[in-house]
N, C-alpha and C. Protein backbone atom coordinates (compact mmCIF):
# COMPACT_ATOMS: atom_id res chain seq x y z
N MET A 1 -7.02 -26.69 5.98
CA MET A 1 -6.22 -25.65 6.92
C MET A 1 -7.36 -25.06 7.87
N PHE A 2 -8.59 -25.03 7.63
CA PHE A 2 -9.36 -24.33 8.70
C PHE A 2 -10.13 -25.38 9.40
N GLN A 3 -10.44 -24.85 10.67
CA GLN A 3 -11.38 -25.63 11.58
C GLN A 3 -12.69 -25.49 10.90
N PRO A 4 -13.61 -26.51 11.20
CA PRO A 4 -14.91 -26.40 10.65
C PRO A 4 -15.82 -25.08 10.92
N GLN A 5 -15.45 -24.46 11.96
CA GLN A 5 -16.23 -23.27 12.36
C GLN A 5 -15.42 -22.03 12.38
N ALA A 6 -14.24 -22.08 11.64
CA ALA A 6 -13.28 -20.97 11.49
C ALA A 6 -13.98 -19.73 10.86
N THR A 7 -13.41 -18.60 11.21
CA THR A 7 -13.72 -17.44 10.69
C THR A 7 -12.64 -16.68 9.84
N TRP A 8 -12.98 -16.14 8.87
CA TRP A 8 -12.21 -15.16 7.92
C TRP A 8 -12.74 -13.79 7.72
N SER A 9 -11.88 -12.92 8.16
CA SER A 9 -12.47 -11.38 7.84
C SER A 9 -11.45 -10.91 6.63
N SER A 10 -12.27 -10.43 5.60
CA SER A 10 -11.86 -9.84 4.31
C SER A 10 -11.52 -8.45 4.66
N ALA A 11 -10.21 -7.98 4.43
CA ALA A 11 -9.84 -6.62 4.40
C ALA A 11 -10.68 -5.71 3.23
N ILE A 12 -10.70 -6.41 2.18
CA ILE A 12 -11.22 -5.70 1.04
C ILE A 12 -12.84 -5.50 1.34
N GLN A 13 -13.61 -6.52 1.65
CA GLN A 13 -14.76 -6.51 2.12
C GLN A 13 -15.02 -5.50 3.16
N ARG A 14 -14.12 -5.47 4.17
CA ARG A 14 -14.39 -4.48 5.25
C ARG A 14 -14.35 -2.93 4.63
N GLN A 15 -13.42 -2.94 3.67
CA GLN A 15 -13.09 -1.56 3.15
C GLN A 15 -14.20 -1.05 2.24
N VAL A 16 -14.66 -1.95 1.39
CA VAL A 16 -15.61 -1.67 0.37
C VAL A 16 -17.07 -1.59 0.94
N GLU A 17 -17.45 -2.64 1.78
CA GLU A 17 -18.73 -2.71 2.11
C GLU A 17 -18.91 -2.21 3.54
N GLY A 18 -17.92 -2.04 4.30
CA GLY A 18 -18.21 -1.76 5.78
C GLY A 18 -18.17 -3.15 6.47
N GLY A 19 -18.66 -2.91 7.86
CA GLY A 19 -18.81 -4.00 8.62
C GLY A 19 -17.73 -4.77 8.84
N ASP A 20 -17.74 -6.09 9.32
CA ASP A 20 -16.64 -6.88 9.60
C ASP A 20 -16.07 -7.89 8.56
N GLY A 21 -16.80 -7.77 7.24
CA GLY A 21 -16.24 -8.67 6.10
C GLY A 21 -16.07 -10.09 6.51
N LEU A 22 -16.91 -10.62 7.45
CA LEU A 22 -16.81 -11.88 8.05
C LEU A 22 -17.39 -13.12 7.37
N TYR A 23 -16.71 -14.08 7.30
CA TYR A 23 -17.19 -15.37 6.67
C TYR A 23 -17.02 -16.55 7.67
N ARG A 24 -18.00 -17.25 7.80
CA ARG A 24 -18.10 -18.32 8.89
C ARG A 24 -18.08 -19.56 8.42
N GLY A 25 -17.11 -20.53 8.75
CA GLY A 25 -17.16 -21.88 8.33
C GLY A 25 -16.39 -22.09 7.16
N ARG A 26 -16.01 -23.26 6.80
CA ARG A 26 -15.22 -23.73 5.50
C ARG A 26 -16.07 -23.46 4.29
N GLU A 27 -17.41 -23.67 4.32
CA GLU A 27 -18.18 -23.40 3.14
C GLU A 27 -18.11 -21.93 2.70
N GLU A 28 -18.47 -21.02 3.63
CA GLU A 28 -18.49 -19.51 3.42
C GLU A 28 -16.96 -19.10 3.02
N ILE A 29 -16.08 -19.58 3.67
CA ILE A 29 -14.59 -19.28 3.35
C ILE A 29 -14.20 -19.73 1.96
N GLY A 30 -14.71 -20.91 1.65
CA GLY A 30 -14.35 -21.51 0.25
C GLY A 30 -15.03 -20.57 -0.75
N LYS A 31 -16.39 -20.23 -0.56
CA LYS A 31 -17.07 -19.46 -1.63
C LYS A 31 -16.51 -18.11 -1.83
N PHE A 32 -15.87 -17.52 -0.63
CA PHE A 32 -15.14 -16.29 -0.87
C PHE A 32 -14.03 -16.39 -1.81
N TRP A 33 -13.26 -17.56 -1.61
CA TRP A 33 -12.04 -17.70 -2.43
C TRP A 33 -12.43 -18.00 -3.86
N ASP A 34 -13.54 -18.85 -3.98
CA ASP A 34 -14.10 -19.19 -5.26
C ASP A 34 -14.35 -17.85 -6.16
N GLU A 35 -14.92 -16.93 -5.39
CA GLU A 35 -15.28 -15.63 -6.04
C GLU A 35 -14.01 -14.84 -6.47
N TRP A 36 -13.16 -14.91 -5.61
CA TRP A 36 -11.85 -14.31 -5.83
C TRP A 36 -11.21 -14.80 -7.10
N HIS A 37 -11.15 -16.16 -7.16
CA HIS A 37 -10.32 -16.79 -8.24
C HIS A 37 -11.27 -16.66 -9.53
N ALA A 38 -12.46 -16.27 -9.51
CA ALA A 38 -13.22 -16.09 -10.61
C ALA A 38 -12.92 -14.63 -11.32
N VAL A 39 -12.36 -13.71 -10.38
CA VAL A 39 -12.02 -12.31 -10.95
C VAL A 39 -10.64 -12.28 -11.27
N TRP A 40 -9.75 -12.98 -10.37
CA TRP A 40 -8.31 -12.88 -10.41
C TRP A 40 -7.66 -13.90 -11.08
N GLU A 41 -6.79 -13.85 -11.99
CA GLU A 41 -5.99 -14.83 -12.55
C GLU A 41 -4.58 -14.90 -12.05
N ASP A 42 -3.97 -16.15 -11.83
CA ASP A 42 -2.68 -16.23 -11.31
C ASP A 42 -2.48 -15.52 -9.89
N LEU A 43 -3.54 -15.65 -9.09
CA LEU A 43 -3.46 -14.99 -7.77
C LEU A 43 -2.37 -15.68 -6.90
N GLN A 44 -1.49 -14.87 -6.42
CA GLN A 44 -0.46 -15.28 -5.57
C GLN A 44 -0.28 -14.38 -4.16
N ILE A 45 -0.05 -15.14 -3.37
CA ILE A 45 0.32 -14.53 -1.96
C ILE A 45 1.84 -14.62 -1.73
N ILE A 46 2.47 -13.43 -1.51
CA ILE A 46 3.88 -13.35 -1.32
C ILE A 46 4.20 -12.92 0.09
N VAL A 47 4.78 -13.70 0.88
CA VAL A 47 5.05 -13.35 2.26
C VAL A 47 6.50 -12.89 2.39
N ALA A 48 6.53 -11.71 2.79
CA ALA A 48 7.77 -11.08 3.09
C ALA A 48 8.37 -11.12 4.49
N GLU A 49 7.42 -11.18 5.33
CA GLU A 49 7.76 -11.14 6.80
C GLU A 49 6.64 -11.96 7.58
N ARG A 50 7.19 -12.83 8.70
CA ARG A 50 6.44 -13.51 9.33
C ARG A 50 6.98 -13.53 10.85
N SER A 51 6.04 -13.72 11.78
CA SER A 51 6.39 -13.90 13.18
C SER A 51 5.27 -14.42 13.99
N SER A 52 5.74 -15.15 15.15
CA SER A 52 4.73 -15.68 16.06
C SER A 52 4.79 -14.95 17.34
N PRO A 53 4.11 -13.91 17.58
CA PRO A 53 4.26 -13.10 18.83
C PRO A 53 3.82 -13.86 20.11
N ARG A 54 2.84 -14.64 19.90
CA ARG A 54 2.46 -15.52 21.16
C ARG A 54 1.95 -16.85 20.62
N ASP A 55 1.75 -17.82 21.43
CA ASP A 55 1.41 -19.03 21.27
C ASP A 55 -0.10 -19.09 20.44
N GLY A 56 0.07 -19.64 19.28
CA GLY A 56 -1.32 -19.71 18.47
C GLY A 56 -1.60 -18.71 17.65
N CYS A 57 -0.78 -17.62 17.69
CA CYS A 57 -0.81 -16.49 16.70
C CYS A 57 0.39 -16.40 15.79
N VAL A 58 -0.14 -16.04 14.47
CA VAL A 58 1.00 -15.90 13.44
C VAL A 58 0.61 -14.59 12.65
N PHE A 59 1.71 -13.74 12.67
CA PHE A 59 1.57 -12.47 11.84
C PHE A 59 2.33 -12.56 10.47
N THR A 60 1.77 -12.22 9.41
CA THR A 60 2.38 -12.15 8.08
C THR A 60 2.27 -10.95 7.41
N TRP A 61 3.19 -10.37 6.75
CA TRP A 61 2.92 -9.25 5.77
C TRP A 61 3.74 -9.51 4.58
N GLY A 62 3.01 -9.09 3.56
CA GLY A 62 3.55 -9.40 2.19
C GLY A 62 2.72 -8.58 1.14
N ALA A 63 2.30 -9.36 0.09
CA ALA A 63 1.43 -8.77 -1.02
C ALA A 63 0.57 -9.91 -1.61
N LEU A 64 -0.38 -9.38 -2.13
CA LEU A 64 -1.21 -10.12 -3.01
C LEU A 64 -1.12 -9.69 -4.44
N ARG A 65 -0.73 -10.72 -5.40
CA ARG A 65 -0.33 -10.35 -6.73
C ARG A 65 -1.41 -11.12 -7.64
N GLY A 66 -1.77 -10.59 -8.64
CA GLY A 66 -2.74 -11.22 -9.59
C GLY A 66 -2.92 -10.30 -10.86
N SER A 67 -3.69 -10.90 -11.83
CA SER A 67 -4.22 -10.14 -13.00
C SER A 67 -5.69 -10.36 -13.25
N GLY A 68 -6.27 -9.28 -13.56
CA GLY A 68 -7.74 -9.36 -13.82
C GLY A 68 -8.10 -10.45 -14.94
N MET A 69 -9.08 -11.41 -14.56
CA MET A 69 -9.38 -12.50 -15.33
C MET A 69 -9.92 -11.81 -16.69
N THR A 70 -10.57 -10.70 -16.78
CA THR A 70 -11.07 -10.09 -18.02
C THR A 70 -10.03 -9.09 -18.71
N SER A 71 -9.67 -8.20 -17.81
CA SER A 71 -8.81 -7.16 -18.33
C SER A 71 -7.43 -7.59 -18.73
N GLY A 72 -6.89 -8.53 -17.87
CA GLY A 72 -5.48 -9.05 -18.02
C GLY A 72 -4.55 -8.00 -17.30
N ALA A 73 -5.07 -7.00 -16.70
CA ALA A 73 -4.38 -5.98 -16.00
C ALA A 73 -3.65 -6.50 -14.82
N GLY A 74 -2.31 -6.39 -14.45
CA GLY A 74 -1.80 -6.77 -13.34
C GLY A 74 -1.88 -5.81 -12.20
N THR A 75 -1.96 -6.47 -10.90
CA THR A 75 -1.75 -5.77 -9.85
C THR A 75 -1.00 -6.35 -8.67
N GLU A 76 -0.36 -5.59 -7.77
CA GLU A 76 0.08 -6.05 -6.71
C GLU A 76 -0.16 -5.05 -5.49
N ARG A 77 -0.67 -5.49 -4.44
CA ARG A 77 -1.16 -4.89 -3.38
C ARG A 77 -0.59 -5.38 -1.92
N PRO A 78 0.02 -4.47 -1.13
CA PRO A 78 0.49 -4.98 0.20
C PRO A 78 -0.65 -5.49 1.11
N PHE A 79 -0.41 -6.58 1.85
CA PHE A 79 -1.48 -7.18 2.58
C PHE A 79 -0.73 -7.75 3.69
N GLY A 80 -1.38 -7.89 4.93
CA GLY A 80 -1.15 -8.68 6.16
C GLY A 80 -2.06 -9.55 6.43
N TRP A 81 -1.71 -10.59 7.24
CA TRP A 81 -2.76 -11.56 7.66
C TRP A 81 -2.32 -11.93 9.16
N VAL A 82 -3.34 -12.00 9.96
CA VAL A 82 -3.11 -12.55 11.32
C VAL A 82 -3.88 -13.68 11.49
N PHE A 83 -3.19 -14.75 11.89
CA PHE A 83 -3.89 -16.18 12.02
C PHE A 83 -3.83 -16.42 13.48
N TRP A 84 -4.86 -17.13 13.86
CA TRP A 84 -4.96 -17.86 15.17
C TRP A 84 -5.25 -19.33 14.92
N VAL A 85 -4.20 -20.11 15.45
CA VAL A 85 -4.22 -21.49 15.14
C VAL A 85 -4.50 -22.24 16.33
N GLU A 86 -5.28 -23.39 16.27
CA GLU A 86 -5.45 -24.34 17.34
C GLU A 86 -5.46 -25.65 16.73
N SER A 87 -4.74 -26.66 17.39
CA SER A 87 -4.82 -27.92 17.16
C SER A 87 -4.27 -28.05 15.64
N GLY A 88 -3.26 -27.11 15.29
CA GLY A 88 -2.90 -27.33 13.86
C GLY A 88 -3.58 -26.81 12.69
N LEU A 89 -4.83 -26.22 13.06
CA LEU A 89 -5.88 -25.73 12.11
C LEU A 89 -6.12 -24.23 12.41
N ILE A 90 -6.36 -23.40 11.25
CA ILE A 90 -6.72 -22.09 11.54
C ILE A 90 -8.09 -21.92 12.17
N ARG A 91 -8.23 -21.23 13.22
CA ARG A 91 -9.43 -20.93 13.88
C ARG A 91 -10.04 -19.54 13.48
N GLU A 92 -9.08 -18.63 13.39
CA GLU A 92 -9.47 -17.31 12.73
C GLU A 92 -8.41 -16.70 12.10
N LEU A 93 -8.82 -15.93 11.10
CA LEU A 93 -7.79 -15.30 10.07
C LEU A 93 -8.47 -13.87 9.68
N ARG A 94 -7.61 -12.92 9.71
CA ARG A 94 -8.02 -11.50 9.49
C ARG A 94 -7.14 -10.96 8.67
N ALA A 95 -7.44 -10.44 7.49
CA ALA A 95 -6.59 -9.78 6.58
C ALA A 95 -6.67 -8.30 6.73
N TYR A 96 -5.34 -7.64 6.55
CA TYR A 96 -5.24 -6.13 6.68
C TYR A 96 -4.64 -5.53 5.52
N LEU A 97 -4.91 -4.29 5.17
CA LEU A 97 -4.32 -3.55 4.19
C LEU A 97 -3.33 -2.64 4.79
N ASN A 98 -3.43 -2.38 6.12
CA ASN A 98 -2.48 -1.53 6.80
C ASN A 98 -1.49 -2.28 7.84
N ARG A 99 -0.20 -2.27 7.54
CA ARG A 99 0.64 -2.97 8.31
C ARG A 99 0.56 -2.75 9.84
N ASP A 100 0.33 -1.46 10.22
CA ASP A 100 0.31 -1.14 11.73
C ASP A 100 -0.91 -1.77 12.37
N GLU A 101 -2.02 -1.81 11.60
CA GLU A 101 -3.15 -2.49 12.07
C GLU A 101 -2.96 -3.95 12.28
N ALA A 102 -2.20 -4.58 11.37
CA ALA A 102 -2.06 -5.99 11.52
C ALA A 102 -1.12 -6.19 12.48
N LEU A 103 -0.03 -5.50 12.68
CA LEU A 103 0.78 -5.51 13.92
C LEU A 103 0.06 -5.41 15.11
N GLU A 104 -0.71 -4.42 15.32
CA GLU A 104 -1.57 -4.24 16.45
C GLU A 104 -2.51 -5.41 16.76
N ALA A 105 -3.24 -5.92 15.83
CA ALA A 105 -3.97 -7.15 15.87
C ALA A 105 -3.28 -8.36 16.49
N ALA A 106 -1.91 -8.56 16.11
CA ALA A 106 -1.14 -9.55 16.51
C ALA A 106 -0.48 -9.26 17.74
N GLY A 107 -0.49 -8.18 18.31
CA GLY A 107 0.06 -7.80 19.75
C GLY A 107 1.50 -7.42 19.68
N LEU A 108 1.85 -7.05 18.39
CA LEU A 108 3.35 -6.58 18.25
C LEU A 108 3.44 -5.04 18.36
C-alpha cells in the first residue's frame, strides 16, 4: 500500500514524545505497526467518514478499537487519517486525534 519512501506520522507518537512522530519508508512503517500489534489485540480501524477534497488527498475520520494484549482492557478512540496518494500507493499518511486538525490538513 505504501511507496518505498513513504512517510507515516503517528498522532500518538507526536502526543507522547513530541516531535513529528515520523516513520520513513516501508520498513520503519512496518516496525511501527508490528509494535502496535504486540501491544493491542484485535486492533480495528473503523472508518465513519471519508472524502477526497483534492486529487491525491483522502481524508478519513473514525476510530481505532482494540484491547490490551496483557490486560485485555478494551478501548476505542476517535482517530483521523489524511493520505496523499500517487500512482495508486500511499506517499504520505498522517494520523490525527483531533478532527479539526485532520480537516485542516486535508484542506477541508
